[in-house]
C-alpha cells in the first residue's frame, strides 16, 4: 500500500491494489467527492487568477497599441516634412553655382574689365 500526502492540497491518497479492490463503490465515490471538494476551490482560485492576469495583459497591450498609433502618426508627419525638404534641397541644388562656372564667369569678367580699361586708356 502506498500513502501519498500532498500538503499544499491537504490530500492524502491511500493507494494499494488490495485497498482499492476492497473499496465499495460508495467508498470510491466518497473519495472522489472528497478530492473534488478540496480541488474545486483551488481550481476556481487558479481560474480567477488567470482571468485577472489575462485582463491586465489585454489592458497593457491596448496601451502599447495606442502608443504605437501615436508613433505612427508622428512618423507620417515626419515623412511629409522630409519630402518637403527633399523638394527644397533639389531646387536649391539646381540653383547652386559650381566652382567651374564661377571661375569661367570671373575670368570672363576679368578679361572684359581689362579690355574695357585698355579701350578707355586709348580714348584718353
PDB file of N, CA and C in Angstrom:
ATOM      1  N   UNK A   1       0.848  -1.174   0.000  1.00  0.00           N
ATOM      2  CA  UNK A   1       0.000   0.000   0.000  1.00  0.00           C
ATOM      3  C   UNK A   1       0.896   1.239   0.000  1.00  0.00           C
ATOM      4  N   UNK A   2       0.523   2.234  -0.786  1.00  0.00           N
ATOM      5  CA  UNK A   2       1.261   3.483  -0.872  1.00  0.00           C
ATOM      6  C   UNK A   2       0.432   4.586  -0.245  1.00  0.00           C
ATOM      7  N   UNK A   3       1.076   5.479   0.466  1.00  0.00           N
ATOM      8  CA  UNK A   3       0.391   6.636   1.041  1.00  0.00           C
ATOM      9  C   UNK A   3       1.048   7.877   0.453  1.00  0.00           C
ATOM     10  N   UNK A   4       0.262   8.644  -0.217  1.00  0.00           N
ATOM     11  CA  UNK A   4       0.751   9.892  -0.795  1.00  0.00           C
ATOM     12  C   UNK A   4       0.099  11.030  -0.053  1.00  0.00           C
ATOM     13  N   UNK A   5       0.897  11.972   0.402  1.00  0.00           N
ATOM     14  CA  UNK A   5       0.349  13.141   1.083  1.00  0.00           C
ATOM     15  C   UNK A   5       0.841  14.382   0.357  1.00  0.00           C
ATOM     16  N   UNK A   6      -0.089  15.236  -0.021  1.00  0.00           N
ATOM     17  CA  UNK A   6       0.242  16.488  -0.702  1.00  0.00           C
ATOM     18  C   UNK A   6      -0.187  17.617   0.225  1.00  0.00           C
ATOM     19  N   UNK A   7       0.775  18.216   0.967  1.00  0.00           N
ATOM     20  CA  UNK A   7       0.404  19.210   1.980  1.00  0.00           C
ATOM     21  C   UNK A   7      -0.298  20.438   1.405  1.00  0.00           C
ATOM     22  N   UNK A   8       0.140  20.916   0.243  1.00  0.00           N
ATOM     23  CA  UNK A   8      -0.463  22.127  -0.299  1.00  0.00           C
ATOM     24  C   UNK A   8      -1.924  21.912  -0.667  1.00  0.00           C
ATOM     25  N   UNK A   9      -2.300  20.697  -0.998  1.00  0.00           N
ATOM     26  CA  UNK A   9      -3.684  20.388  -1.336  1.00  0.00           C
ATOM     27  C   UNK A   9      -4.431  19.749  -0.167  1.00  0.00           C
ATOM     28  N   UNK A  10      -3.716  19.468   0.915  1.00  0.00           N
ATOM     29  CA  UNK A  10      -4.287  18.833   2.096  1.00  0.00           C
ATOM     30  C   UNK A  10      -5.003  17.535   1.723  1.00  0.00           C
ATOM     31  N   UNK A  11      -4.317  16.745   0.937  1.00  0.00           N
ATOM     32  CA  UNK A  11      -4.874  15.469   0.484  1.00  0.00           C
ATOM     33  C   UNK A  11      -3.968  14.330   0.924  1.00  0.00           C
ATOM     34  N   UNK A  12      -4.582  13.250   1.188  1.00  0.00           N
ATOM     35  CA  UNK A  12      -3.831  12.036   1.492  1.00  0.00           C
ATOM     36  C   UNK A  12      -4.443  10.918   0.660  1.00  0.00           C
ATOM     37  N   UNK A  13      -3.647  10.302  -0.188  1.00  0.00           N
ATOM     38  CA  UNK A  13      -4.126   9.210  -1.028  1.00  0.00           C
ATOM     39  C   UNK A  13      -3.609   7.893  -0.463  1.00  0.00           C
ATOM     40  N   UNK A  14      -4.475   6.987  -0.304  1.00  0.00           N
ATOM     41  CA  UNK A  14      -4.081   5.635   0.081  1.00  0.00           C
ATOM     42  C   UNK A  14      -4.240   4.766  -1.157  1.00  0.00           C
ATOM     43  N   UNK A  15      -3.141   4.351  -1.684  1.00  0.00           N
ATOM     44  CA  UNK A  15      -3.199   3.581  -2.919  1.00  0.00           C
ATOM     45  C   UNK A  15      -2.542   2.227  -2.693  1.00  0.00           C
ATOM     46  N   UNK A  16      -3.237   1.266  -3.019  1.00  0.00           N
ATOM     47  CA  UNK A  16      -2.734  -0.096  -2.974  1.00  0.00           C
ATOM     48  C   UNK A  16      -3.732  -0.959  -3.693  1.00  0.00           C
ATOM     49  N   UNK A  17      -3.252  -1.928  -4.372  1.00  0.00           N
ATOM     50  CA  UNK A  17      -4.167  -2.715  -5.184  1.00  0.00           C
ATOM     51  C   UNK A  17      -5.215  -3.408  -4.320  1.00  0.00           C
ATOM     52  N   UNK A  18      -4.815  -3.940  -3.196  1.00  0.00           N
ATOM     53  CA  UNK A  18      -5.774  -4.636  -2.336  1.00  0.00           C
ATOM     54  C   UNK A  18      -6.760  -3.659  -1.722  1.00  0.00           C
ATOM     55  N   UNK A  19      -6.249  -2.486  -1.310  1.00  0.00           N
ATOM     56  CA  UNK A  19      -7.121  -1.498  -0.678  1.00  0.00           C
ATOM     57  C   UNK A  19      -8.169  -1.005  -1.667  1.00  0.00           C
ATOM     58  N   UNK A  20      -7.743  -0.715  -2.877  1.00  0.00           N
ATOM     59  CA  UNK A  20      -8.666  -0.203  -3.884  1.00  0.00           C
ATOM     60  C   UNK A  20      -9.653  -1.280  -4.298  1.00  0.00           C
ATOM     61  N   UNK A  21      -9.175  -2.505  -4.411  1.00  0.00           N
ATOM     62  CA  UNK A  21     -10.066  -3.600  -4.806  1.00  0.00           C
ATOM     63  C   UNK A  21     -11.141  -3.844  -3.753  1.00  0.00           C
ATOM     64  N   UNK A  22     -10.797  -3.642  -2.495  1.00  0.00           N
ATOM     65  CA  UNK A  22     -11.731  -3.928  -1.405  1.00  0.00           C
ATOM     66  C   UNK A  22     -12.675  -2.771  -1.119  1.00  0.00           C
ATOM     67  N   UNK A  23     -12.473  -1.621  -1.789  1.00  0.00           N
ATOM     68  CA  UNK A  23     -13.352  -0.481  -1.557  1.00  0.00           C
ATOM     69  C   UNK A  23     -14.705  -0.739  -2.201  1.00  0.00           C
ATOM     70  N   UNK A  24     -15.726  -0.299  -1.529  1.00  0.00           N
ATOM     71  CA  UNK A  24     -17.053  -0.408  -2.097  1.00  0.00           C
ATOM     72  C   UNK A  24     -17.248   0.743  -3.080  1.00  0.00           C
ATOM     73  N   UNK A  25     -18.173   0.611  -3.996  1.00  0.00           N
ATOM     74  CA  UNK A  25     -18.424   1.712  -4.928  1.00  0.00           C
ATOM     75  C   UNK A  25     -18.771   3.017  -4.210  1.00  0.00           C
ATOM     76  N   UNK A  26     -19.477   2.925  -3.098  1.00  0.00           N
ATOM     77  CA  UNK A  26     -19.809   4.140  -2.340  1.00  0.00           C
ATOM     78  C   UNK A  26     -18.552   4.768  -1.762  1.00  0.00           C
ATOM     79  N   UNK A  27     -17.610   3.957  -1.267  1.00  0.00           N
ATOM     80  CA  UNK A  27     -16.354   4.485  -0.734  1.00  0.00           C
ATOM     81  C   UNK A  27     -15.556   5.182  -1.829  1.00  0.00           C
ATOM     82  N   UNK A  28     -15.551   4.578  -3.014  1.00  0.00           N
ATOM     83  CA  UNK A  28     -14.835   5.192  -4.142  1.00  0.00           C
ATOM     84  C   UNK A  28     -15.464   6.531  -4.500  1.00  0.00           C
ATOM     85  N   UNK A  29     -16.808   6.589  -4.493  1.00  0.00           N
ATOM     86  CA  UNK A  29     -17.481   7.866  -4.769  1.00  0.00           C
ATOM     87  C   UNK A  29     -17.162   8.893  -3.697  1.00  0.00           C
ATOM     88  N   UNK A  30     -17.127   8.445  -2.452  1.00  0.00           N
ATOM     89  CA  UNK A  30     -16.813   9.365  -1.348  1.00  0.00           C
ATOM     90  C   UNK A  30     -15.401   9.934  -1.486  1.00  0.00           C
ATOM     91  N   UNK A  31     -14.463   9.081  -1.882  1.00  0.00           N
ATOM     92  CA  UNK A  31     -13.083   9.549  -2.087  1.00  0.00           C
ATOM     93  C   UNK A  31     -13.049  10.581  -3.219  1.00  0.00           C
ATOM     94  N   UNK A  32     -13.753  10.284  -4.309  1.00  0.00           N
ATOM     95  CA  UNK A  32     -13.782  11.204  -5.452  1.00  0.00           C
ATOM     96  C   UNK A  32     -14.428  12.527  -5.058  1.00  0.00           C
ATOM     97  N   UNK A  33     -15.517  12.457  -4.312  1.00  0.00           N
ATOM     98  CA  UNK A  33     -16.189  13.677  -3.848  1.00  0.00           C
ATOM     99  C   UNK A  33     -15.267  14.464  -2.928  1.00  0.00           C
ATOM    100  N   UNK A  34     -14.552  13.781  -2.048  1.00  0.00           N
ATOM    101  CA  UNK A  34     -13.614  14.452  -1.149  1.00  0.00           C
ATOM    102  C   UNK A  34     -12.507  15.155  -1.912  1.00  0.00           C
ATOM    103  N   UNK A  35     -11.997  14.486  -2.915  1.00  0.00           N
ATOM    104  CA  UNK A  35     -10.948  15.089  -3.738  1.00  0.00           C
ATOM    105  C   UNK A  35     -11.508  16.301  -4.481  1.00  0.00           C
ATOM    106  N   UNK A  36     -12.714  16.184  -5.018  1.00  0.00           N
ATOM    107  CA  UNK A  36     -13.329  17.315  -5.730  1.00  0.00           C
ATOM    108  C   UNK A  36     -13.570  18.487  -4.806  1.00  0.00           C
ATOM    109  N   UNK A  37     -13.986  18.210  -3.551  1.00  0.00           N
ATOM    110  CA  UNK A  37     -14.231  19.293  -2.600  1.00  0.00           C
ATOM    111  C   UNK A  37     -12.962  20.065  -2.277  1.00  0.00           C
ATOM    112  N   UNK A  38     -11.864  19.368  -2.261  1.00  0.00           N
ATOM    113  CA  UNK A  38     -10.588  20.031  -1.966  1.00  0.00           C
ATOM    114  C   UNK A  38     -10.049  20.746  -3.202  1.00  0.00           C
ATOM    115  N   UNK A  39     -10.142  20.100  -4.361  1.00  0.00           N
ATOM    116  CA  UNK A  39      -9.520  20.657  -5.558  1.00  0.00           C
ATOM    117  C   UNK A  39     -10.352  21.739  -6.234  1.00  0.00           C
ATOM    118  N   UNK A  40     -11.666  21.651  -6.162  1.00  0.00           N
ATOM    119  CA  UNK A  40     -12.511  22.597  -6.890  1.00  0.00           C
ATOM    120  C   UNK A  40     -12.267  24.051  -6.483  1.00  0.00           C
ATOM    121  N   UNK A  41     -12.196  24.375  -5.178  1.00  0.00           N
ATOM    122  CA  UNK A  41     -11.899  25.781  -4.828  1.00  0.00           C
ATOM    123  C   UNK A  41     -10.528  26.218  -5.328  1.00  0.00           C
ATOM    124  N   UNK A  42      -9.581  25.312  -5.298  1.00  0.00           N
ATOM    125  CA  UNK A  42      -8.229  25.647  -5.785  1.00  0.00           C
ATOM    126  C   UNK A  42      -8.264  25.959  -7.279  1.00  0.00           C
ATOM    127  N   UNK A  43      -9.002  25.151  -8.033  1.00  0.00           N
ATOM    128  CA  UNK A  43      -9.113  25.395  -9.471  1.00  0.00           C
ATOM    129  C   UNK A  43      -9.848  26.703  -9.746  1.00  0.00           C
ATOM    130  N   UNK A  44     -10.848  27.010  -8.937  1.00  0.00           N
ATOM    131  CA  UNK A  44     -11.564  28.286  -9.106  1.00  0.00           C
ATOM    132  C   UNK A  44     -10.631  29.464  -8.839  1.00  0.00           C
ATOM    133  N   UNK A  45      -9.820  29.374  -7.778  1.00  0.00           N
ATOM    134  CA  UNK A  45      -8.854  30.434  -7.482  1.00  0.00           C
ATOM    135  C   UNK A  45      -7.861  30.587  -8.627  1.00  0.00           C
ATOM    136  N   UNK A  46      -7.390  29.468  -9.117  1.00  0.00           N
ATOM    137  CA  UNK A  46      -6.438  29.498 -10.225  1.00  0.00           C
ATOM    138  C   UNK A  46      -7.076  30.094 -11.474  1.00  0.00           C
ATOM    139  N   UNK A  47      -8.312  29.721 -11.753  1.00  0.00           N
ATOM    140  CA  UNK A  47      -9.016  30.253 -12.916  1.00  0.00           C
ATOM    141  C   UNK A  47      -9.205  31.764 -12.793  1.00  0.00           C
ATOM    142  N   UNK A  48      -9.572  32.242 -11.610  1.00  0.00           N
ATOM    143  CA  UNK A  48      -9.738  33.681 -11.394  1.00  0.00           C
ATOM    144  C   UNK A  48      -8.411  34.419 -11.547  1.00  0.00           C
ATOM    145  N   UNK A  49      -7.346  33.828 -11.015  1.00  0.00           N
ATOM    146  CA  UNK A  49      -6.028  34.456 -11.139  1.00  0.00           C
ATOM    147  C   UNK A  49      -5.609  34.551 -12.603  1.00  0.00           C
ATOM    148  N   UNK A  50      -5.850  33.509 -13.358  1.00  0.00           N
ATOM    149  CA  UNK A  50      -5.506  33.522 -14.784  1.00  0.00           C
ATOM    150  C   UNK A  50      -6.353  34.557 -15.512  1.00  0.00           C
ATOM    151  N   UNK A  51      -7.630  34.631 -15.173  1.00  0.00           N
ATOM    152  CA  UNK A  51      -8.516  35.619 -15.803  1.00  0.00           C
ATOM    153  C   UNK A  51      -8.052  37.036 -15.500  1.00  0.00           C
ATOM    154  N   UNK A  52      -7.692  37.312 -14.238  1.00  0.00           N
ATOM    155  CA  UNK A  52      -7.210  38.644 -13.861  1.00  0.00           C
ATOM    156  C   UNK A  52      -5.924  38.988 -14.599  1.00  0.00           C
ATOM    157  N   UNK A  53      -5.035  38.024 -14.680  1.00  0.00           N
ATOM    158  CA  UNK A  53      -3.771  38.252 -15.379  1.00  0.00           C
ATOM    159  C   UNK A  53      -4.000  38.523 -16.855  1.00  0.00           C
ATOM    160  N   UNK A  54      -4.895  37.762 -17.479  1.00  0.00           N
ATOM    161  CA  UNK A  54      -5.152  37.977 -18.904  1.00  0.00           C
ATOM    162  C   UNK A  54      -5.818  39.336 -19.135  1.00  0.00           C
ATOM    163  N   UNK A  55      -6.669  39.764 -18.218  1.00  0.00           N
ATOM    164  CA  UNK A  55      -7.295  41.081 -18.335  1.00  0.00           C
ATOM    165  C   UNK A  55      -6.242  42.182 -18.243  1.00  0.00           C
ATOM    166  N   UNK A  56      -5.329  42.040 -17.307  1.00  0.00           N
ATOM    167  CA  UNK A  56      -4.255  43.031 -17.168  1.00  0.00           C
ATOM    168  C   UNK A  56      -3.380  43.061 -18.411  1.00  0.00           C
ATOM    169  N   UNK A  57      -3.061  41.895 -18.950  1.00  0.00           N
ATOM    170  CA  UNK A  57      -2.233  41.841 -20.150  1.00  0.00           C
ATOM    171  C   UNK A  57      -2.955  42.489 -21.331  1.00  0.00           C
ATOM    172  N   UNK A  58      -4.267  42.249 -21.455  1.00  0.00           N
ATOM    173  CA  UNK A  58      -5.040  42.879 -22.529  1.00  0.00           C
ATOM    174  C   UNK A  58      -4.989  44.393 -22.416  1.00  0.00           C
ATOM    175  N   UNK A  59      -5.139  44.914 -21.193  1.00  0.00           N
ATOM    176  CA  UNK A  59      -5.078  46.362 -20.981  1.00  0.00           C
ATOM    177  C   UNK A  59      -3.707  46.907 -21.359  1.00  0.00           C
ATOM    178  N   UNK A  60      -2.670  46.189 -20.977  1.00  0.00           N
ATOM    179  CA  UNK A  60      -1.309  46.640 -21.308  1.00  0.00           C
ATOM    180  C   UNK A  60      -1.087  46.644 -22.813  1.00  0.00           C
ATOM    181  N   UNK A  61      -1.560  45.591 -23.490  1.00  0.00           N
ATOM    182  CA  UNK A  61      -1.407  45.548 -24.946  1.00  0.00           C
ATOM    183  C   UNK A  61      -2.190  46.669 -25.614  1.00  0.00           C
ATOM    184  N   UNK A  62      -3.356  47.002 -25.074  1.00  0.00           N
ATOM    185  CA  UNK A  62      -4.133  48.113 -25.640  1.00  0.00           C
ATOM    186  C   UNK A  62      -3.366  49.425 -25.497  1.00  0.00           C
ATOM    187  N   UNK A  63      -2.737  49.635 -24.334  1.00  0.00           N
ATOM    188  CA  UNK A  63      -1.949  50.854 -24.138  1.00  0.00           C
ATOM    189  C   UNK A  63      -0.752  50.893 -25.082  1.00  0.00           C
ATOM    190  N   UNK A  64      -0.108  49.742 -25.287  1.00  0.00           N
ATOM    191  CA  UNK A  64       1.024  49.686 -26.219  1.00  0.00           C
ATOM    192  C   UNK A  64       0.549  49.991 -27.637  1.00  0.00           C
ATOM    193  N   UNK A  65      -0.615  49.449 -28.021  1.00  0.00           N
ATOM    194  CA  UNK A  65      -1.178  49.732 -29.347  1.00  0.00           C
ATOM    195  C   UNK A  65      -1.447  51.219 -29.515  1.00  0.00           C
ATOM    196  N   UNK A  66      -1.985  51.864 -28.484  1.00  0.00           N
ATOM    197  CA  UNK A  66      -2.251  53.299 -28.552  1.00  0.00           C
ATOM    198  C   UNK A  66      -0.949  54.076 -28.732  1.00  0.00           C
ATOM    199  N   UNK A  67       0.089  53.660 -28.017  1.00  0.00           N
ATOM    200  CA  UNK A  67       1.378  54.345 -28.160  1.00  0.00           C
ATOM    201  C   UNK A  67       1.932  54.168 -29.573  1.00  0.00           C
ATOM    202  N   UNK A  68       1.820  52.956 -30.123  1.00  0.00           N
ATOM    203  CA  UNK A  68       2.290  52.731 -31.489  1.00  0.00           C
ATOM    204  C   UNK A  68       1.504  53.561 -32.489  1.00  0.00           C
ATOM    205  N   UNK A  69       0.204  53.709 -32.266  1.00  0.00           N
ATOM    206  CA  UNK A  69      -0.594  54.550 -33.158  1.00  0.00           C
ATOM    207  C   UNK A  69      -0.106  55.991 -33.107  1.00  0.00           C
ATOM    208  N   UNK A  70       0.230  56.481 -31.915  1.00  0.00           N
ATOM    209  CA  UNK A  70       0.780  57.832 -31.788  1.00  0.00           C
ATOM    210  C   UNK A  70       2.111  57.968 -32.499  1.00  0.00           C
ATOM    211  N   UNK A  71       2.949  56.959 -32.369  1.00  0.00           N
ATOM    212  CA  UNK A  71       4.255  56.985 -33.042  1.00  0.00           C
ATOM    213  C   UNK A  71       4.055  56.962 -34.554  1.00  0.00           C
ATOM    214  N   UNK A  72       3.110  56.152 -35.028  1.00  0.00           N
ATOM    215  CA  UNK A  72       2.829  56.097 -36.468  1.00  0.00           C
ATOM    216  C   UNK A  72       2.399  57.460 -36.999  1.00  0.00           C
ATOM    217  N   UNK A  73       1.550  58.168 -36.255  1.00  0.00           N
ATOM    218  CA  UNK A  73       1.104  59.489 -36.701  1.00  0.00           C
ATOM    219  C   UNK A  73       2.282  60.454 -36.772  1.00  0.00           C
ATOM    220  N   UNK A  74       3.151  60.396 -35.751  1.00  0.00           N
ATOM    221  CA  UNK A  74       4.311  61.294 -35.756  1.00  0.00           C
ATOM    222  C   UNK A  74       5.248  60.952 -36.908  1.00  0.00           C
ATOM    223  N   UNK A  75       5.439  59.682 -37.190  1.00  0.00           N
ATOM    224  CA  UNK A  75       6.304  59.293 -38.312  1.00  0.00           C
ATOM    225  C   UNK A  75       5.707  59.727 -39.646  1.00  0.00           C
ATOM    226  N   UNK A  76       4.389  59.645 -39.775  1.00  0.00           N
ATOM    227  CA  UNK A  76       3.744  60.107 -41.012  1.00  0.00           C
ATOM    228  C   UNK A  76       3.989  61.592 -41.224  1.00  0.00           C
ATOM    229  N   UNK A  77       3.882  62.388 -40.139  1.00  0.00           N
ATOM    230  CA  UNK A  77       4.125  63.827 -40.285  1.00  0.00           C
ATOM    231  C   UNK A  77       5.598  64.089 -40.604  1.00  0.00           C
ATOM    232  N   UNK A  78       6.497  63.291 -40.044  1.00  0.00           N
ATOM    233  CA  UNK A  78       7.916  63.449 -40.365  1.00  0.00           C
ATOM    234  C   UNK A  78       8.182  63.091 -41.825  1.00  0.00           C
ATOM    235  N   UNK A  79       7.519  62.066 -42.328  1.00  0.00           N
ATOM    236  CA  UNK A  79       7.673  61.704 -43.737  1.00  0.00           C
ATOM    237  C   UNK A  79       7.273  62.862 -44.644  1.00  0.00           C
ATOM    238  N   UNK A  80       6.173  63.516 -44.302  1.00  0.00           N
ATOM    239  CA  UNK A  80       5.724  64.655 -45.116  1.00  0.00           C
ATOM    240  C   UNK A  80       6.741  65.792 -45.052  1.00  0.00           C
ATOM    241  N   UNK A  81       7.284  66.043 -43.865  1.00  0.00           N
ATOM    242  CA  UNK A  81       8.277  67.118 -43.738  1.00  0.00           C
ATOM    243  C   UNK A  81       9.553  66.790 -44.507  1.00  0.00           C
ATOM    244  N   UNK A  82       9.981  65.531 -44.456  1.00  0.00           N
ATOM    245  CA  UNK A  82      11.193  65.125 -45.181  1.00  0.00           C
ATOM    246  C   UNK A  82      10.972  65.246 -46.690  1.00  0.00           C
ATOM    247  N   UNK A  83       9.790  64.878 -47.154  1.00  0.00           N
ATOM    248  CA  UNK A  83       9.504  65.004 -48.584  1.00  0.00           C
ATOM    249  C   UNK A  83       9.573  66.469 -49.007  1.00  0.00           C
ATOM    250  N   UNK A  84       9.056  67.374 -48.173  1.00  0.00           N
ATOM    251  CA  UNK A  84       9.141  68.803 -48.468  1.00  0.00           C
ATOM    252  C   UNK A  84      10.581  69.286 -48.490  1.00  0.00           C
ATOM    253  N   UNK A  85      11.377  68.784 -47.552  1.00  0.00           N
ATOM    254  CA  UNK A  85      12.794  69.175 -47.522  1.00  0.00           C
ATOM    255  C   UNK A  85      13.538  68.645 -48.743  1.00  0.00           C
ATOM    256  N   UNK A  86      13.219  67.442 -49.170  1.00  0.00           N
ATOM    257  CA  UNK A  86      13.864  66.896 -50.362  1.00  0.00           C
ATOM    258  C   UNK A  86      13.562  67.761 -51.586  1.00  0.00           C
ATOM    259  N   UNK A  87      12.323  68.200 -51.710  1.00  0.00           N
ATOM    260  CA  UNK A  87      11.959  69.066 -52.834  1.00  0.00           C
ATOM    261  C   UNK A  87      12.735  70.375 -52.770  1.00  0.00           C
ATOM    262  N   UNK A  88      12.806  70.974 -51.589  1.00  0.00           N
ATOM    263  CA  UNK A  88      13.519  72.243 -51.442  1.00  0.00           C
ATOM    264  C   UNK A  88      15.012  72.078 -51.710  1.00  0.00           C
ATOM    265  N   UNK A  89      15.602  70.949 -51.246  1.00  0.00           N
ATOM    266  CA  UNK A  89      17.025  70.707 -51.482  1.00  0.00           C
ATOM    267  C   UNK A  89      17.303  70.504 -52.971  1.00  0.00           C
ATOM    268  N   UNK A  90      16.431  69.803 -53.661  1.00  0.00           N
ATOM    269  CA  UNK A  90      16.605  69.597 -55.094  1.00  0.00           C
ATOM    270  C   UNK A  90      16.574  70.929 -55.828  1.00  0.00           C
ATOM    271  N   UNK A  91      15.627  71.778 -55.435  1.00  0.00           N
ATOM    272  CA  UNK A  91      15.532  73.093 -56.055  1.00  0.00           C
ATOM    273  C   UNK A  91      16.774  73.941 -55.749  1.00  0.00           C
ATOM    274  N   UNK A  92      17.253  73.890 -54.511  1.00  0.00           N
ATOM    275  CA  UNK A  92      18.443  74.655 -54.137  1.00  0.00           C
ATOM    276  C   UNK A  92      19.676  74.131 -54.872  1.00  0.00           C
ATOM    277  N   UNK A  93      19.805  72.823 -54.989  1.00  0.00           N
ATOM    278  CA  UNK A  93      20.945  72.239 -55.694  1.00  0.00           C
ATOM    279  C   UNK A  93      20.949  72.653 -57.155  1.00  0.00           C
ATOM    280  N   UNK A  94      19.776  72.768 -57.738  1.00  0.00           N
ATOM    281  CA  UNK A  94      19.730  73.139 -59.158  1.00  0.00           C
ATOM    282  C   UNK A  94      20.142  74.599 -59.362  1.00  0.00           C
ATOM    283  N   UNK A  95      20.070  75.416 -58.328  1.00  0.00           N
ATOM    284  CA  UNK A  95      20.405  76.836 -58.460  1.00  0.00           C
ATOM    285  C   UNK A  95      21.788  77.181 -57.925  1.00  0.00           C
ATOM    286  N   UNK A  96      22.490  76.207 -57.364  1.00  0.00           N
ATOM    287  CA  UNK A  96      23.814  76.468 -56.797  1.00  0.00           C
ATOM    288  C   UNK A  96      24.820  76.643 -57.934  1.00  0.00           C
ATOM    289  N   UNK A  97      25.699  77.614 -57.759  1.00  0.00           N
ATOM    290  CA  UNK A  97      26.746  77.894 -58.735  1.00  0.00           C
ATOM    291  C   UNK A  97      27.931  76.987 -58.432  1.00  0.00           C
ATOM    292  N   UNK A  98      28.440  76.322 -59.462  1.00  0.00           N
ATOM    293  CA  UNK A  98      29.594  75.447 -59.267  1.00  0.00           C
ATOM    294  C   UNK A  98      30.875  76.262 -59.350  1.00  0.00           C
ATOM    295  N   UNK A  99      31.965  75.718 -58.861  1.00  0.00           N
ATOM    296  CA  UNK A  99      33.247  76.409 -58.873  1.00  0.00           C
ATOM    297  C   UNK A  99      33.717  76.649 -60.307  1.00  0.00           C
ATOM    298  N   UNK A 100      33.557  75.652 -61.154  1.00  0.00           N
ATOM    299  CA  UNK A 100      33.979  75.806 -62.559  1.00  0.00           C
ATOM    300  C   UNK A 100      33.220  76.932 -63.245  1.00  0.00           C
ATOM    301  N   UNK A 101      31.917  76.978 -63.041  1.00  0.00           N
ATOM    302  CA  UNK A 101      31.091  78.030 -63.651  1.00  0.00           C
ATOM    303  C   UNK A 101      31.517  79.397 -63.130  1.00  0.00           C
ATOM    304  N   UNK A 102      31.741  79.489 -61.814  1.00  0.00           N
ATOM    305  CA  UNK A 102      32.148  80.766 -61.220  1.00  0.00           C
ATOM    306  C   UNK A 102      33.526  81.190 -61.729  1.00  0.00           C
ATOM    307  N   UNK A 103      34.452  80.233 -61.854  1.00  0.00           N
ATOM    308  CA  UNK A 103      35.778  80.563 -62.389  1.00  0.00           C
ATOM    309  C   UNK A 103      35.680  81.094 -63.819  1.00  0.00           C
ATOM    310  N   UNK A 104      34.881  80.441 -64.659  1.00  0.00           N
ATOM    311  CA  UNK A 104      34.722  80.904 -66.041  1.00  0.00           C
ATOM    312  C   UNK A 104      34.128  82.312 -66.093  1.00  0.00           C
ATOM    313  N   UNK A 105      33.107  82.539 -65.306  1.00  0.00           N
ATOM    314  CA  UNK A 105      32.458  83.857 -65.318  1.00  0.00           C
ATOM    315  C   UNK A 105      33.379  84.942 -64.786  1.00  0.00           C
ATOM    316  N   UNK A 106      34.115  84.640 -63.709  1.00  0.00           N
ATOM    317  CA  UNK A 106      35.042  85.639 -63.172  1.00  0.00           C
ATOM    318  C   UNK A 106      36.192  85.908 -64.154  1.00  0.00           C
ATOM    319  N   UNK A 107      36.657  84.847 -64.817  1.00  0.00           N
ATOM    320  CA  UNK A 107      37.715  85.028 -65.823  1.00  0.00           C
ATOM    321  C   UNK A 107      37.221  85.890 -66.975  1.00  0.00           C
ATOM    322  N   UNK A 108      35.983  85.611 -67.402  1.00  0.00           N
ATOM    323  CA  UNK A 108      35.400  86.402 -68.482  1.00  0.00           C
ATOM    324  C   UNK A 108      35.247  87.853 -68.050  1.00  0.00           C
ATOM    325  N   UNK A 109      34.777  88.046 -66.810  1.00  0.00           N
ATOM    326  CA  UNK A 109      34.612  89.412 -66.304  1.00  0.00           C
ATOM    327  C   UNK A 109      35.957  90.119 -66.205  1.00  0.00           C
ATOM    328  N   UNK A 110      36.967  89.401 -65.759  1.00  0.00           N
ATOM    329  CA  UNK A 110      38.302  89.980 -65.642  1.00  0.00           C
ATOM    330  C   UNK A 110      38.820  90.384 -67.024  1.00  0.00           C
ATOM    331  N   UNK A 111      38.592  89.475 -67.980  1.00  0.00           N
ATOM    332  CA  UNK A 111      39.028  89.783 -69.350  1.00  0.00           C
ATOM    333  C   UNK A 111      38.257  90.968 -69.911  1.00  0.00           C
ATOM    334  N   UNK A 112      36.956  91.030 -69.697  1.00  0.00           N
ATOM    335  CA  UNK A 112      36.154  92.163 -70.172  1.00  0.00           C
ATOM    336  C   UNK A 112      36.574  93.459 -69.492  1.00  0.00           C
ATOM    337  N   UNK A 113      36.894  93.365 -68.212  1.00  0.00           N
ATOM    338  CA  UNK A 113      37.328  94.567 -67.479  1.00  0.00           C
ATOM    339  C   UNK A 113      38.660  95.053 -68.020  1.00  0.00           C
ATOM    340  N   UNK A 114      39.563  94.114 -68.293  1.00  0.00           N
ATOM    341  CA  UNK A 114      40.867  94.506 -68.853  1.00  0.00           C
ATOM    342  C   UNK A 114      40.689  95.167 -70.218  1.00  0.00           C
ATOM    343  N   UNK A 115      39.822  94.583 -71.040  1.00  0.00           N
ATOM    344  CA  UNK A 115      39.574  95.154 -72.367  1.00  0.00           C
ATOM    345  C   UNK A 115      38.942  96.535 -72.247  1.00  0.00           C
ATOM    346  N   UNK A 116      38.034  96.693 -71.323  1.00  0.00           N
ATOM    347  CA  UNK A 116      37.380  97.986 -71.122  1.00  0.00           C
ATOM    348  C   UNK A 116      38.391  99.030 -70.647  1.00  0.00           C
ATOM    349  N   UNK A 117      39.287  98.639 -69.745  1.00  0.00           N
ATOM    350  CA  UNK A 117      40.308  99.586 -69.247  1.00  0.00           C
ATOM    351  C   UNK A 117      41.229  99.985 -70.382  1.00  0.00           C
ATOM    352  N   UNK A 118      41.645  99.054 -71.247  1.00  0.00           N
ATOM    353  CA  UNK A 118      42.522  99.403 -72.371  1.00  0.00           C
ATOM    354  C   UNK A 118      41.796 100.308 -73.366  1.00  0.00           C
ATOM    355  N   UNK A 119      40.527 100.014 -73.595  1.00  0.00           N
ATOM    356  CA  UNK A 119      39.750 100.829 -74.529  1.00  0.00           C
ATOM    357  C   UNK A 119      39.630 102.263 -73.998  1.00  0.00           C
ATOM    358  N   UNK A 120      39.399 102.407 -72.726  1.00  0.00           N
ATOM    359  CA  UNK A 120      39.285 103.740 -72.139  1.00  0.00           C
ATOM    360  C   UNK A 120      40.638 104.432 -72.136  1.00  0.00           C
ATOM    361  N   UNK A 121      41.692 103.645 -71.961  1.00  0.00           N
ATOM    362  CA  UNK A 121      43.019 104.238 -71.934  1.00  0.00           C
ATOM    363  C   UNK A 121      43.355 104.762 -73.342  1.00  0.00           C
ATOM    364  N   UNK A 122      42.916 104.104 -74.407  1.00  0.00           N
ATOM    365  CA  UNK A 122      43.178 104.565 -75.752  1.00  0.00           C
ATOM    366  C   UNK A 122      42.418 105.844 -76.043  1.00  0.00           C
ATOM    367  N   UNK A 123      41.215 105.985 -75.513  1.00  0.00           N
ATOM    368  CA  UNK A 123      40.428 107.171 -75.754  1.00  0.00           C
ATOM    369  C   UNK A 123      41.060 108.380 -75.099  1.00  0.00           C
ATOM    370  N   UNK A 124      41.691 108.213 -74.024  1.00  0.00           N
ATOM    371  CA  UNK A 124      42.214 109.400 -73.368  1.00  0.00           C
ATOM    372  C   UNK A 124      43.556 109.800 -73.829  1.00  0.00           C
TER     373      UNK A 124
END
